[in-house]
């Protein structure tokens, strides 16, 4: 968070999380300078891809975060190669 110029960085226990806390955090992050938002999104992608997999839930959460930041994420489609 310091690299983005945002105060805070305190991790909360899962039991402390609720809709109001998440909404407040997203509203604060929405104030990031436009050129700093890609760095935050790249960090989020690195987190969800840490295990080299992207679950549907992780993809939807990433999409929701990007939407909250007014930075839409294009659809993530699974592709399957077909052998002719």
Protein backbone atom coordinates (compact mmCIF):
# COMPACT_ATOMS: atom_id res chain seq x y z
CA UNK A 1 0.00 0.00 0.00
CA UNK A 2 2.87 2.34 0.74
CA UNK A 3 4.14 1.86 -2.82
CA UNK A 4 0.79 3.18 -4.05
CA UNK A 5 0.90 6.13 -1.67
CA UNK A 6 -2.09 4.88 0.31
CA UNK A 7 -1.99 4.90 4.11
CA UNK A 8 -3.00 1.80 5.98
CA UNK A 9 -1.85 -1.67 5.19
CA UNK A 10 -3.27 -3.27 8.32
CA UNK A 11 -4.51 -6.76 7.56
CA UNK A 12 -7.77 -7.63 9.24
CA UNK A 13 -8.79 -11.03 10.54
CA UNK A 14 -11.50 -12.66 8.41
CA UNK A 15 -13.87 -12.37 11.38
CA UNK A 16 -13.48 -8.57 11.23
CA UNK A 17 -14.50 -8.32 7.59
CA UNK A 18 -17.99 -7.25 6.67
CA UNK A 19 -19.66 -5.46 3.79
CA UNK A 20 -19.12 -2.02 5.34
CA UNK A 21 -15.39 -2.62 5.86
CA UNK A 22 -14.90 -3.88 2.30
CA UNK A 23 -16.98 -1.04 0.87
CA UNK A 24 -14.93 1.49 2.84
CA UNK A 25 -11.67 0.00 1.61
CA UNK A 26 -12.85 0.02 -2.01
CA UNK A 27 -14.03 3.62 -1.69
CA UNK A 28 -10.61 4.59 -0.37
CA UNK A 29 -8.85 2.73 -3.18
CA UNK A 30 -11.13 4.40 -5.71
CA UNK A 31 -9.35 7.66 -4.84
CA UNK A 32 -6.05 6.33 -6.23
CA UNK A 33 -4.54 8.38 -9.01
CA UNK A 34 -5.54 6.86 -12.36
CA UNK A 35 -1.94 5.93 -13.20
CA UNK A 36 -1.58 4.00 -9.92
CA UNK A 37 -4.66 1.82 -10.43
CA UNK A 38 -2.89 -0.55 -12.88
CA UNK A 39 -0.25 -1.30 -10.23
CA UNK A 40 -2.98 -2.23 -7.74
CA UNK A 41 -4.74 -4.42 -10.30
CA UNK A 42 -1.47 -6.15 -11.20
CA UNK A 43 -0.94 -6.87 -7.50
CA UNK A 44 -4.45 -8.32 -7.25
CA UNK A 45 -3.80 -10.51 -10.30
CA UNK A 46 -0.53 -11.72 -8.75
CA UNK A 47 -2.42 -12.73 -5.61
CA UNK A 48 -5.16 -14.67 -7.39
CA UNK A 49 -2.63 -16.34 -9.71
CA UNK A 50 -0.19 -17.31 -6.93
CA UNK A 51 -1.18 -20.96 -7.41
CA UNK A 52 -1.15 -20.66 -11.24
CA UNK A 53 -4.93 -21.12 -11.31
CA UNK A 54 -7.83 -18.73 -11.53
CA UNK A 55 -11.07 -19.97 -10.02
CA UNK A 56 -14.43 -18.56 -11.01
CA UNK A 57 -14.76 -16.97 -7.56
CA UNK A 58 -11.31 -15.34 -7.84
CA UNK A 59 -12.09 -14.07 -11.32
CA UNK A 60 -15.40 -12.59 -10.23
CA UNK A 61 -13.81 -10.98 -7.17
CA UNK A 62 -11.10 -9.47 -9.37
CA UNK A 63 -13.77 -8.20 -11.76
CA UNK A 64 -15.73 -6.66 -8.86
CA UNK A 65 -12.63 -4.90 -7.51
CA UNK A 66 -11.84 -3.51 -10.96
CA UNK A 67 -15.44 -2.33 -11.40
CA UNK A 68 -15.32 -0.61 -8.00
CA UNK A 69 -12.16 1.19 -9.15
CA UNK A 70 -13.90 2.33 -12.37
CA UNK A 71 -11.39 0.22 -14.30
CA UNK A 72 -13.41 -2.48 -16.08
CA UNK A 73 -11.75 -5.82 -16.62
CA UNK A 74 -12.43 -7.54 -19.94
CA UNK A 75 -14.09 -10.97 -19.78
CA UNK A 76 -11.82 -13.83 -18.80
CA UNK A 77 -12.64 -16.73 -21.05
CA UNK A 78 -11.34 -20.24 -20.80
CA UNK A 79 -10.14 -21.46 -24.16
CA UNK A 80 -9.93 -25.07 -25.20
CA UNK A 81 -7.95 -26.07 -28.24
CA UNK A 82 -9.62 -28.50 -30.56
CA UNK A 83 -7.62 -30.98 -32.53
CA UNK A 84 -8.71 -31.38 -36.13
